[in-house]
All heavy atoms as atom14 arrays in JSON, in Angstrom:
{
  "sequence": "ALASLCQSYHSVICTQSAHVETDECGAPEFFSNGSKILTAPSADGKL",
  "atom14_mask": [
    [1, 1, 1, 1, 1, 0, 0, 0, 0, 0, 0, 0, 0, 0],
    [1, 1, 1, 1, 1, 1, 1, 1, 0, 0, 0, 0, 0, 0],
    [1, 1, 1, 1, 1, 0, 0, 0, 0, 0, 0, 0, 0, 0],
    [1, 1, 1, 1, 1, 1, 0, 0, 0, 0, 0, 0, 0, 0],
    [1, 1, 1, 1, 1, 1, 1, 1, 0, 0, 0, 0, 0, 0],
    [1, 1, 1, 1, 1, 1, 0, 0, 0, 0, 0, 0, 0, 0],
    [1, 1, 1, 1, 1, 1, 1, 1, 1, 0, 0, 0, 0, 0],
    [1, 1, 1, 1, 1, 1, 0, 0, 0, 0, 0, 0, 0, 0],
    [1, 1, 1, 1, 1, 1, 1, 1, 1, 1, 1, 1, 0, 0],
    [1, 1, 1, 1, 1, 1, 1, 1, 1, 1, 0, 0, 0, 0],
    [1, 1, 1, 1, 1, 1, 0, 0, 0, 0, 0, 0, 0, 0],
    [1, 1, 1, 1, 1, 1, 1, 0, 0, 0, 0, 0, 0, 0],
    [1, 1, 1, 1, 1, 1, 1, 1, 0, 0, 0, 0, 0, 0],
    [1, 1, 1, 1, 1, 1, 0, 0, 0, 0, 0, 0, 0, 0],
    [1, 1, 1, 1, 1, 1, 1, 0, 0, 0, 0, 0, 0, 0],
    [1, 1, 1, 1, 1, 1, 1, 1, 1, 0, 0, 0, 0, 0],
    [1, 1, 1, 1, 1, 1, 0, 0, 0, 0, 0, 0, 0, 0],
    [1, 1, 1, 1, 1, 0, 0, 0, 0, 0, 0, 0, 0, 0],
    [1, 1, 1, 1, 1, 1, 1, 1, 1, 1, 0, 0, 0, 0],
    [1, 1, 1, 1, 1, 1, 1, 0, 0, 0, 0, 0, 0, 0],
    [1, 1, 1, 1, 1, 1, 1, 1, 1, 0, 0, 0, 0, 0],
    [1, 1, 1, 1, 1, 1, 1, 0, 0, 0, 0, 0, 0, 0],
    [1, 1, 1, 1, 1, 1, 1, 1, 0, 0, 0, 0, 0, 0],
    [1, 1, 1, 1, 1, 1, 1, 1, 1, 0, 0, 0, 0, 0],
    [1, 1, 1, 1, 1, 1, 0, 0, 0, 0, 0, 0, 0, 0],
    [1, 1, 1, 1, 0, 0, 0, 0, 0, 0, 0, 0, 0, 0],
    [1, 1, 1, 1, 1, 0, 0, 0, 0, 0, 0, 0, 0, 0],
    [1, 1, 1, 1, 1, 1, 1, 0, 0, 0, 0, 0, 0, 0],
    [1, 1, 1, 1, 1, 1, 1, 1, 1, 0, 0, 0, 0, 0],
    [1, 1, 1, 1, 1, 1, 1, 1, 1, 1, 1, 0, 0, 0],
    [1, 1, 1, 1, 1, 1, 1, 1, 1, 1, 1, 0, 0, 0],
    [1, 1, 1, 1, 1, 1, 0, 0, 0, 0, 0, 0, 0, 0],
    [1, 1, 1, 1, 1, 1, 1, 1, 0, 0, 0, 0, 0, 0],
    [1, 1, 1, 1, 0, 0, 0, 0, 0, 0, 0, 0, 0, 0],
    [1, 1, 1, 1, 1, 1, 0, 0, 0, 0, 0, 0, 0, 0],
    [1, 1, 1, 1, 1, 1, 1, 1, 1, 0, 0, 0, 0, 0],
    [1, 1, 1, 1, 1, 1, 1, 1, 0, 0, 0, 0, 0, 0],
    [1, 1, 1, 1, 1, 1, 1, 1, 0, 0, 0, 0, 0, 0],
    [1, 1, 1, 1, 1, 1, 1, 0, 0, 0, 0, 0, 0, 0],
    [1, 1, 1, 1, 1, 0, 0, 0, 0, 0, 0, 0, 0, 0],
    [1, 1, 1, 1, 1, 1, 1, 0, 0, 0, 0, 0, 0, 0],
    [1, 1, 1, 1, 1, 1, 0, 0, 0, 0, 0, 0, 0, 0],
    [1, 1, 1, 1, 1, 0, 0, 0, 0, 0, 0, 0, 0, 0],
    [1, 1, 1, 1, 1, 1, 1, 1, 0, 0, 0, 0, 0, 0],
    [1, 1, 1, 1, 0, 0, 0, 0, 0, 0, 0, 0, 0, 0],
    [1, 1, 1, 1, 1, 1, 1, 1, 1, 0, 0, 0, 0, 0],
    [1, 1, 1, 1, 1, 1, 1, 1, 0, 0, 0, 0, 0, 0]
  ],
  "atom14_positions": [
    [[4.57, 6.84, -7.44], [4.89, 7.76, -6.41], [5.37, 7.0, -5.14], [6.33, 7.32, -4.49], [3.72, 8.63, -6.07], [0.0, 0.0, 0.0], [0.0, 0.0, 0.0], [0.0, 0.0, 0.0], [0.0, 0.0, 0.0], [0.0, 0.0, 0.0], [0.0, 0.0, 0.0], [0.0, 0.0, 0.0], [0.0, 0.0, 0.0], [0.0, 0.0, 0.0]],
    [[4.6, 5.96, -4.8], [4.99, 5.14, -3.6], [6.3, 4.43, -3.87], [7.14, 4.36, -2.91], [3.86, 4.14, -3.29], [2.57, 4.7, -2.81], [1.5, 3.67, -2.6], [2.76, 5.47, -1.48], [0.0, 0.0, 0.0], [0.0, 0.0, 0.0], [0.0, 0.0, 0.0], [0.0, 0.0, 0.0], [0.0, 0.0, 0.0], [0.0, 0.0, 0.0]],
    [[6.54, 3.98, -5.08], [7.77, 3.28, -5.37], [8.97, 4.24, -5.21], [10.08, 3.81, -4.86], [7.75, 2.7, -6.77], [0.0, 0.0, 0.0], [0.0, 0.0, 0.0], [0.0, 0.0, 0.0], [0.0, 0.0, 0.0], [0.0, 0.0, 0.0], [0.0, 0.0, 0.0], [0.0, 0.0, 0.0], [0.0, 0.0, 0.0], [0.0, 0.0, 0.0]],
    [[8.73, 5.5, -5.53], [9.84, 6.47, -5.39], [10.19, 6.75, -3.92], [11.26, 7.27, -3.61], [9.49, 7.8, -6.04], [8.49, 8.48, -5.28], [0.0, 0.0, 0.0], [0.0, 0.0, 0.0], [0.0, 0.0, 0.0], [0.0, 0.0, 0.0], [0.0, 0.0, 0.0], [0.0, 0.0, 0.0], [0.0, 0.0, 0.0], [0.0, 0.0, 0.0]],
    [[9.32, 6.39, -3.01], [9.53, 6.63, -1.58], [10.0, 5.39, -0.84], [10.29, 5.44, 0.37], [8.21, 7.11, -0.94], [7.58, 8.38, -1.56], [6.22, 8.68, -0.92], [8.52, 9.59, -1.46], [0.0, 0.0, 0.0], [0.0, 0.0, 0.0], [0.0, 0.0, 0.0], [0.0, 0.0, 0.0], [0.0, 0.0, 0.0], [0.0, 0.0, 0.0]],
    [[10.03, 4.26, -1.52], [10.27, 2.98, -0.84], [11.42, 2.17, -1.53], [11.63, 2.35, -2.7], [9.07, 2.09, -0.86], [7.72, 2.61, 0.17], [0.0, 0.0, 0.0], [0.0, 0.0, 0.0], [0.0, 0.0, 0.0], [0.0, 0.0, 0.0], [0.0, 0.0, 0.0], [0.0, 0.0, 0.0], [0.0, 0.0, 0.0], [0.0, 0.0, 0.0]],
    [[12.08, 1.34, -0.76], [12.87, 0.27, -1.28], [12.02, -1.03, -1.18], [11.0, -1.03, -0.52], [14.15, 0.14, -0.48], [15.05, 1.35, -0.58], [15.68, 1.51, -1.96], [15.78, 0.6, -2.76], [16.01, 2.77, -2.32], [0.0, 0.0, 0.0], [0.0, 0.0, 0.0], [0.0, 0.0, 0.0], [0.0, 0.0, 0.0], [0.0, 0.0, 0.0]],
    [[12.46, -2.09, -1.76], [11.75, -3.32, -1.81], [11.55, -3.93, -0.4], [10.56, -4.67, -0.18], [12.42, -4.33, -2.71], [13.77, -4.6, -2.23], [0.0, 0.0, 0.0], [0.0, 0.0, 0.0], [0.0, 0.0, 0.0], [0.0, 0.0, 0.0], [0.0, 0.0, 0.0], [0.0, 0.0, 0.0], [0.0, 0.0, 0.0], [0.0, 0.0, 0.0]],
    [[12.36, -3.58, 0.54], [12.25, -4.15, 1.93], [11.45, -3.23, 2.82], [11.32, -3.51, 3.99], [13.66, -4.37, 2.47], [14.58, -3.13, 2.41], [14.52, -2.13, 3.31], [15.46, -3.02, 1.36], [15.31, -1.03, 3.24], [16.32, -1.95, 1.25], [16.21, -0.94, 2.22], [17.06, 0.18, 2.12], [0.0, 0.0, 0.0], [0.0, 0.0, 0.0]],
    [[10.87, -2.16, 2.27], [10.01, -1.28, 3.05], [8.58, -1.69, 3.02], [8.15, -2.57, 2.25], [10.16, 0.14, 2.52], [11.47, 0.78, 2.89], [12.17, 1.67, 2.02], [12.29, 0.72, 3.99], [13.27, 2.07, 2.6], [13.37, 1.49, 3.79], [0.0, 0.0, 0.0], [0.0, 0.0, 0.0], [0.0, 0.0, 0.0], [0.0, 0.0, 0.0]],
    [[7.72, -0.92, 3.75], [6.25, -1.15, 3.77], [5.55, 0.19, 3.72], [6.09, 1.25, 4.08], [5.81, -1.97, 5.01], [6.25, -1.37, 6.18], [0.0, 0.0, 0.0], [0.0, 0.0, 0.0], [0.0, 0.0, 0.0], [0.0, 0.0, 0.0], [0.0, 0.0, 0.0], [0.0, 0.0, 0.0], [0.0, 0.0, 0.0], [0.0, 0.0, 0.0]],
    [[4.28, 0.1, 3.32], [3.42, 1.31, 3.16], [2.22, 1.09, 4.03], [1.55, 0.03, 3.96], [2.99, 1.46, 1.68], [2.01, 2.67, 1.57], [4.19, 1.67, 0.77], [0.0, 0.0, 0.0], [0.0, 0.0, 0.0], [0.0, 0.0, 0.0], [0.0, 0.0, 0.0], [0.0, 0.0, 0.0], [0.0, 0.0, 0.0], [0.0, 0.0, 0.0]],
    [[1.87, 2.11, 4.82], [0.78, 1.99, 5.77], [-0.43, 2.73, 5.17], [-0.37, 3.9, 4.74], [1.13, 2.61, 7.16], [2.24, 1.79, 7.83], [-0.07, 2.73, 8.05], [2.81, 2.43, 9.08], [0.0, 0.0, 0.0], [0.0, 0.0, 0.0], [0.0, 0.0, 0.0], [0.0, 0.0, 0.0], [0.0, 0.0, 0.0], [0.0, 0.0, 0.0]],
    [[-1.59, 2.04, 5.2], [-2.84, 2.62, 4.7], [-3.99, 1.95, 5.39], [-3.81, 1.01, 6.21], [-2.93, 2.47, 3.18], [-3.06, 0.72, 2.63], [0.0, 0.0, 0.0], [0.0, 0.0, 0.0], [0.0, 0.0, 0.0], [0.0, 0.0, 0.0], [0.0, 0.0, 0.0], [0.0, 0.0, 0.0], [0.0, 0.0, 0.0], [0.0, 0.0, 0.0]],
    [[-5.21, 2.34, 5.08], [-6.39, 1.68, 5.6], [-6.7, 0.47, 4.8], [-6.26, 0.32, 3.63], [-7.65, 2.58, 5.62], [-8.0, 2.81, 4.25], [-7.37, 3.9, 6.36], [0.0, 0.0, 0.0], [0.0, 0.0, 0.0], [0.0, 0.0, 0.0], [0.0, 0.0, 0.0], [0.0, 0.0, 0.0], [0.0, 0.0, 0.0], [0.0, 0.0, 0.0]],
    [[-7.5, -0.43, 5.35], [-7.83, -1.68, 4.67], [-8.65, -1.44, 3.42], [-8.75, -2.27, 2.51], [-8.48, -2.65, 5.6], [-9.84, -2.08, 6.22], [-10.4, -3.01, 7.3], [-9.74, -3.95, 7.74], [-11.59, -2.7, 7.72], [0.0, 0.0, 0.0], [0.0, 0.0, 0.0], [0.0, 0.0, 0.0], [0.0, 0.0, 0.0], [0.0, 0.0, 0.0]],
    [[-9.38, -0.3, 3.35], [-10.2, 0.0, 2.18], [-9.5, 0.86, 1.17], [-10.08, 1.24, 0.16], [-11.5, 0.67, 2.58], [-11.2, 1.9, 3.26], [0.0, 0.0, 0.0], [0.0, 0.0, 0.0], [0.0, 0.0, 0.0], [0.0, 0.0, 0.0], [0.0, 0.0, 0.0], [0.0, 0.0, 0.0], [0.0, 0.0, 0.0], [0.0, 0.0, 0.0]],
    [[-8.22, 1.24, 1.42], [-7.52, 2.11, 0.54], [-7.41, 1.55, -0.86], [-7.24, 0.35, -1.07], [-6.14, 2.42, 1.04], [0.0, 0.0, 0.0], [0.0, 0.0, 0.0], [0.0, 0.0, 0.0], [0.0, 0.0, 0.0], [0.0, 0.0, 0.0], [0.0, 0.0, 0.0], [0.0, 0.0, 0.0], [0.0, 0.0, 0.0], [0.0, 0.0, 0.0]],
    [[-7.5, 2.41, -1.86], [-7.49, 1.99, -3.24], [-6.16, 1.29, -3.58], [-6.13, 0.34, -4.38], [-7.61, 3.25, -4.16], [-8.16, 2.97, -5.52], [-7.34, 2.64, -6.58], [-9.42, 2.9, -6.0], [-8.09, 2.41, -7.65], [-9.32, 2.59, -7.34], [0.0, 0.0, 0.0], [0.0, 0.0, 0.0], [0.0, 0.0, 0.0], [0.0, 0.0, 0.0]],
    [[-5.06, 1.75, -2.98], [-3.76, 1.13, -3.28], [-3.72, -0.36, -2.79], [-2.9, -1.16, -3.27], [-2.57, 1.86, -2.67], [-2.46, 3.27, -3.28], [-2.7, 1.96, -1.16], [0.0, 0.0, 0.0], [0.0, 0.0, 0.0], [0.0, 0.0, 0.0], [0.0, 0.0, 0.0], [0.0, 0.0, 0.0], [0.0, 0.0, 0.0], [0.0, 0.0, 0.0]],
    [[-4.61, -0.67, -1.86], [-4.67, -2.05, -1.3], [-5.7, -2.91, -2.06], [-5.47, -4.03, -2.41], [-4.97, -1.99, 0.15], [-5.55, -3.29, 0.75], [-4.49, -4.42, 0.8], [-3.32, -4.19, 0.46], [-4.92, -5.56, 1.13], [0.0, 0.0, 0.0], [0.0, 0.0, 0.0], [0.0, 0.0, 0.0], [0.0, 0.0, 0.0], [0.0, 0.0, 0.0]],
    [[-6.86, -2.3, -2.41], [-7.95, -3.12, -2.85], [-8.19, -3.05, -4.35], [-8.86, -3.96, -4.9], [-9.27, -2.65, -2.17], [-9.56, -1.33, -2.56], [-9.17, -2.74, -0.65], [0.0, 0.0, 0.0], [0.0, 0.0, 0.0], [0.0, 0.0, 0.0], [0.0, 0.0, 0.0], [0.0, 0.0, 0.0], [0.0, 0.0, 0.0], [0.0, 0.0, 0.0]],
    [[-7.71, -2.02, -5.03], [-8.15, -1.84, -6.47], [-6.98, -1.5, -7.41], [-7.29, -0.94, -8.51], [-9.16, -0.68, -6.5], [-10.5, -1.11, -5.99], [-11.23, -1.84, -6.68], [-10.85, -0.72, -4.81], [0.0, 0.0, 0.0], [0.0, 0.0, 0.0], [0.0, 0.0, 0.0], [0.0, 0.0, 0.0], [0.0, 0.0, 0.0], [0.0, 0.0, 0.0]],
    [[-5.79, -1.87, -7.09], [-4.73, -1.55, -8.03], [-3.92, -2.78, -8.44], [-2.78, -2.65, -8.91], [-3.86, -0.42, -7.5], [-4.66, 0.88, -7.46], [-3.95, 2.1, -6.96], [-2.87, 1.96, -6.38], [-4.46, 3.21, -7.14], [0.0, 0.0, 0.0], [0.0, 0.0, 0.0], [0.0, 0.0, 0.0], [0.0, 0.0, 0.0], [0.0, 0.0, 0.0]],
    [[-4.47, -3.96, -8.23], [-3.95, -5.22, -8.83], [-2.48, -5.48, -8.41], [-1.74, -6.02, -9.21], [-4.12, -5.19, -10.32], [-3.97, -6.78, -11.13], [0.0, 0.0, 0.0], [0.0, 0.0, 0.0], [0.0, 0.0, 0.0], [0.0, 0.0, 0.0], [0.0, 0.0, 0.0], [0.0, 0.0, 0.0], [0.0, 0.0, 0.0], [0.0, 0.0, 0.0]],
    [[-2.12, -5.0, -7.21], [-0.76, -5.23, -6.75], [0.29, -4.31, -7.43], [1.5, -4.55, -7.26], [0.0, 0.0, 0.0], [0.0, 0.0, 0.0], [0.0, 0.0, 0.0], [0.0, 0.0, 0.0], [0.0, 0.0, 0.0], [0.0, 0.0, 0.0], [0.0, 0.0, 0.0], [0.0, 0.0, 0.0], [0.0, 0.0, 0.0], [0.0, 0.0, 0.0]],
    [[-0.17, -3.26, -8.12], [0.71, -2.39, -8.87], [1.73, -1.66, -7.91], [2.88, -1.53, -8.24], [-0.04, -1.37, -9.69], [0.0, 0.0, 0.0], [0.0, 0.0, 0.0], [0.0, 0.0, 0.0], [0.0, 0.0, 0.0], [0.0, 0.0, 0.0], [0.0, 0.0, 0.0], [0.0, 0.0, 0.0], [0.0, 0.0, 0.0], [0.0, 0.0, 0.0]],
    [[1.27, -1.17, -6.73], [2.28, -0.56, -5.83], [3.39, -1.53, -5.43], [4.57, -1.14, -5.4], [1.43, -0.15, -4.6], [0.05, 0.03, -5.13], [-0.09, -1.04, -6.19], [0.0, 0.0, 0.0], [0.0, 0.0, 0.0], [0.0, 0.0, 0.0], [0.0, 0.0, 0.0], [0.0, 0.0, 0.0], [0.0, 0.0, 0.0], [0.0, 0.0, 0.0]],
    [[3.04, -2.79, -5.17], [4.03, -3.78, -4.79], [4.96, -4.06, -6.08], [6.14, -4.2, -5.96], [3.4, -5.03, -4.35], [2.64, -4.93, -3.03], [1.17, -4.58, -3.23], [0.8, -3.99, -4.25], [0.35, -4.98, -2.36], [0.0, 0.0, 0.0], [0.0, 0.0, 0.0], [0.0, 0.0, 0.0], [0.0, 0.0, 0.0], [0.0, 0.0, 0.0]],
    [[4.34, -4.17, -7.22], [5.05, -4.49, -8.46], [6.1, -3.39, -8.76], [7.27, -3.74, -9.03], [4.06, -4.64, -9.57], [4.72, -4.83, -10.91], [5.14, -6.17, -11.27], [4.89, -3.81, -11.82], [5.71, -6.36, -12.51], [5.5, -4.05, -13.06], [5.9, -5.32, -13.42], [0.0, 0.0, 0.0], [0.0, 0.0, 0.0], [0.0, 0.0, 0.0]],
    [[5.66, -2.16, -8.78], [6.57, -1.08, -9.18], [7.64, -0.73, -8.12], [8.67, -0.12, -8.44], [5.83, 0.18, -9.61], [5.17, 0.07, -10.92], [3.81, -0.14, -11.09], [5.93, 0.08, -12.07], [3.25, -0.25, -12.36], [5.39, -0.04, -13.35], [4.02, -0.17, -13.43], [0.0, 0.0, 0.0], [0.0, 0.0, 0.0], [0.0, 0.0, 0.0]],
    [[7.38, -1.16, -6.9], [8.37, -0.92, -5.82], [9.24, -2.19, -5.64], [10.06, -2.25, -4.72], [7.68, -0.6, -4.51], [6.89, -1.71, -4.07], [0.0, 0.0, 0.0], [0.0, 0.0, 0.0], [0.0, 0.0, 0.0], [0.0, 0.0, 0.0], [0.0, 0.0, 0.0], [0.0, 0.0, 0.0], [0.0, 0.0, 0.0], [0.0, 0.0, 0.0]],
    [[9.08, -3.15, -6.49], [9.83, -4.42, -6.41], [9.54, -5.15, -5.13], [10.43, -5.89, -4.61], [11.33, -4.17, -6.56], [11.7, -3.72, -7.95], [11.19, -4.28, -8.94], [12.55, -2.72, -8.08], [0.0, 0.0, 0.0], [0.0, 0.0, 0.0], [0.0, 0.0, 0.0], [0.0, 0.0, 0.0], [0.0, 0.0, 0.0], [0.0, 0.0, 0.0]],
    [[8.35, -4.96, -4.59], [7.93, -5.82, -3.45], [7.64, -5.14, -2.13], [7.39, -5.85, -1.14], [0.0, 0.0, 0.0], [0.0, 0.0, 0.0], [0.0, 0.0, 0.0], [0.0, 0.0, 0.0], [0.0, 0.0, 0.0], [0.0, 0.0, 0.0], [0.0, 0.0, 0.0], [0.0, 0.0, 0.0], [0.0, 0.0, 0.0], [0.0, 0.0, 0.0]],
    [[7.63, -3.83, -2.07], [7.24, -3.18, -0.8], [5.91, -3.63, -0.33], [4.96, -3.68, -1.12], [7.23, -1.62, -0.94], [8.5, -1.13, -1.3], [0.0, 0.0, 0.0], [0.0, 0.0, 0.0], [0.0, 0.0, 0.0], [0.0, 0.0, 0.0], [0.0, 0.0, 0.0], [0.0, 0.0, 0.0], [0.0, 0.0, 0.0], [0.0, 0.0, 0.0]],
    [[5.79, -3.99, 0.95], [4.58, -4.6, 1.45], [3.57, -3.52, 1.86], [3.96, -2.49, 2.42], [4.9, -5.47, 2.62], [3.71, -6.29, 3.19], [4.15, -7.24, 4.21], [2.96, -8.05, 4.79], [2.29, -8.84, 3.76], [0.0, 0.0, 0.0], [0.0, 0.0, 0.0], [0.0, 0.0, 0.0], [0.0, 0.0, 0.0], [0.0, 0.0, 0.0]],
    [[2.34, -3.76, 1.61], [1.22, -2.9, 2.06], [0.78, -3.39, 3.43], [0.41, -4.59, 3.58], [0.03, -2.92, 1.1], [0.45, -2.47, -0.3], [-1.09, -2.02, 1.63], [0.84, -1.0, -0.43], [0.0, 0.0, 0.0], [0.0, 0.0, 0.0], [0.0, 0.0, 0.0], [0.0, 0.0, 0.0], [0.0, 0.0, 0.0], [0.0, 0.0, 0.0]],
    [[0.81, -2.52, 4.42], [0.31, -2.82, 5.78], [-0.98, -2.11, 5.99], [-1.03, -0.87, 5.85], [1.31, -2.37, 6.83], [2.72, -2.98, 6.76], [3.61, -2.42, 7.89], [2.66, -4.51, 6.84], [0.0, 0.0, 0.0], [0.0, 0.0, 0.0], [0.0, 0.0, 0.0], [0.0, 0.0, 0.0], [0.0, 0.0, 0.0], [0.0, 0.0, 0.0]],
    [[-2.07, -2.83, 6.32], [-3.38, -2.18, 6.37], [-3.87, -2.09, 7.81], [-3.68, -2.97, 8.6], [-4.43, -2.92, 5.55], [-4.54, -4.26, 6.07], [-3.96, -3.03, 4.11], [0.0, 0.0, 0.0], [0.0, 0.0, 0.0], [0.0, 0.0, 0.0], [0.0, 0.0, 0.0], [0.0, 0.0, 0.0], [0.0, 0.0, 0.0], [0.0, 0.0, 0.0]],
    [[-4.54, -0.97, 8.08], [-5.15, -0.73, 9.38], [-6.66, -0.81, 9.28], [-7.26, -0.27, 8.3], [-4.77, 0.67, 9.87], [0.0, 0.0, 0.0], [0.0, 0.0, 0.0], [0.0, 0.0, 0.0], [0.0, 0.0, 0.0], [0.0, 0.0, 0.0], [0.0, 0.0, 0.0], [0.0, 0.0, 0.0], [0.0, 0.0, 0.0], [0.0, 0.0, 0.0]],
    [[-7.33, -1.46, 10.21], [-8.82, -1.5, 10.19], [-9.36, -0.03, 10.32], [-8.75, 0.77, 11.04], [-9.15, -2.33, 11.43], [-7.91, -3.13, 11.76], [-6.77, -2.24, 11.33], [0.0, 0.0, 0.0], [0.0, 0.0, 0.0], [0.0, 0.0, 0.0], [0.0, 0.0, 0.0], [0.0, 0.0, 0.0], [0.0, 0.0, 0.0], [0.0, 0.0, 0.0]],
    [[-10.4, 0.23, 9.66], [-11.02, 1.53, 9.75], [-12.47, 1.44, 9.41], [-12.84, 1.01, 8.34], [-10.34, 2.53, 8.77], [-10.98, 3.78, 8.77], [0.0, 0.0, 0.0], [0.0, 0.0, 0.0], [0.0, 0.0, 0.0], [0.0, 0.0, 0.0], [0.0, 0.0, 0.0], [0.0, 0.0, 0.0], [0.0, 0.0, 0.0], [0.0, 0.0, 0.0]],
    [[-13.36, 1.89, 10.33], [-14.75, 1.77, 10.12], [-15.27, 2.79, 9.07], [-16.3, 2.53, 8.42], [-15.5, 2.05, 11.41], [0.0, 0.0, 0.0], [0.0, 0.0, 0.0], [0.0, 0.0, 0.0], [0.0, 0.0, 0.0], [0.0, 0.0, 0.0], [0.0, 0.0, 0.0], [0.0, 0.0, 0.0], [0.0, 0.0, 0.0], [0.0, 0.0, 0.0]],
    [[-14.57, 3.88, 8.91], [-15.03, 4.95, 8.0], [-14.06, 5.27, 6.93], [-14.26, 6.25, 6.19], [-15.36, 6.23, 8.79], [-14.13, 6.87, 9.47], [-13.06, 6.23, 9.4], [-14.27, 7.92, 10.06], [0.0, 0.0, 0.0], [0.0, 0.0, 0.0], [0.0, 0.0, 0.0], [0.0, 0.0, 0.0], [0.0, 0.0, 0.0], [0.0, 0.0, 0.0]],
    [[-12.99, 4.48, 6.74], [-12.05, 4.71, 5.67], [-10.94, 5.65, 6.01], [-10.05, 5.91, 5.19], [0.0, 0.0, 0.0], [0.0, 0.0, 0.0], [0.0, 0.0, 0.0], [0.0, 0.0, 0.0], [0.0, 0.0, 0.0], [0.0, 0.0, 0.0], [0.0, 0.0, 0.0], [0.0, 0.0, 0.0], [0.0, 0.0, 0.0], [0.0, 0.0, 0.0]],
    [[-10.96, 6.22, 7.2], [-9.91, 7.17, 7.6], [-8.81, 6.44, 8.42], [-9.06, 5.58, 9.22], [-10.49, 8.31, 8.47], [-11.22, 9.38, 7.67], [-11.56, 10.52, 8.64], [-12.21, 11.68, 7.88], [-12.48, 12.82, 8.82], [0.0, 0.0, 0.0], [0.0, 0.0, 0.0], [0.0, 0.0, 0.0], [0.0, 0.0, 0.0], [0.0, 0.0, 0.0]],
    [[-7.58, 6.92, 8.13], [-6.42, 6.46, 8.89], [-6.22, 7.39, 10.08], [-6.4, 8.62, 9.94], [-5.23, 6.45, 7.99], [-3.93, 5.72, 8.45], [-4.21, 4.27, 8.64], [-2.82, 5.93, 7.45], [0.0, 0.0, 0.0], [0.0, 0.0, 0.0], [0.0, 0.0, 0.0], [0.0, 0.0, 0.0], [0.0, 0.0, 0.0], [0.0, 0.0, 0.0]]
  ]
}
């Protein structure tokens, strides 16, 4: 889904605890051919 919204030179904004950042083994970056994940600090997991 994220790859369909991005080109390889784009980035995705999420929290630092988001599953796409911490638990998907780089799959969002892989399937988007390199779109970067940008993480925001969050004490409670909310963006």
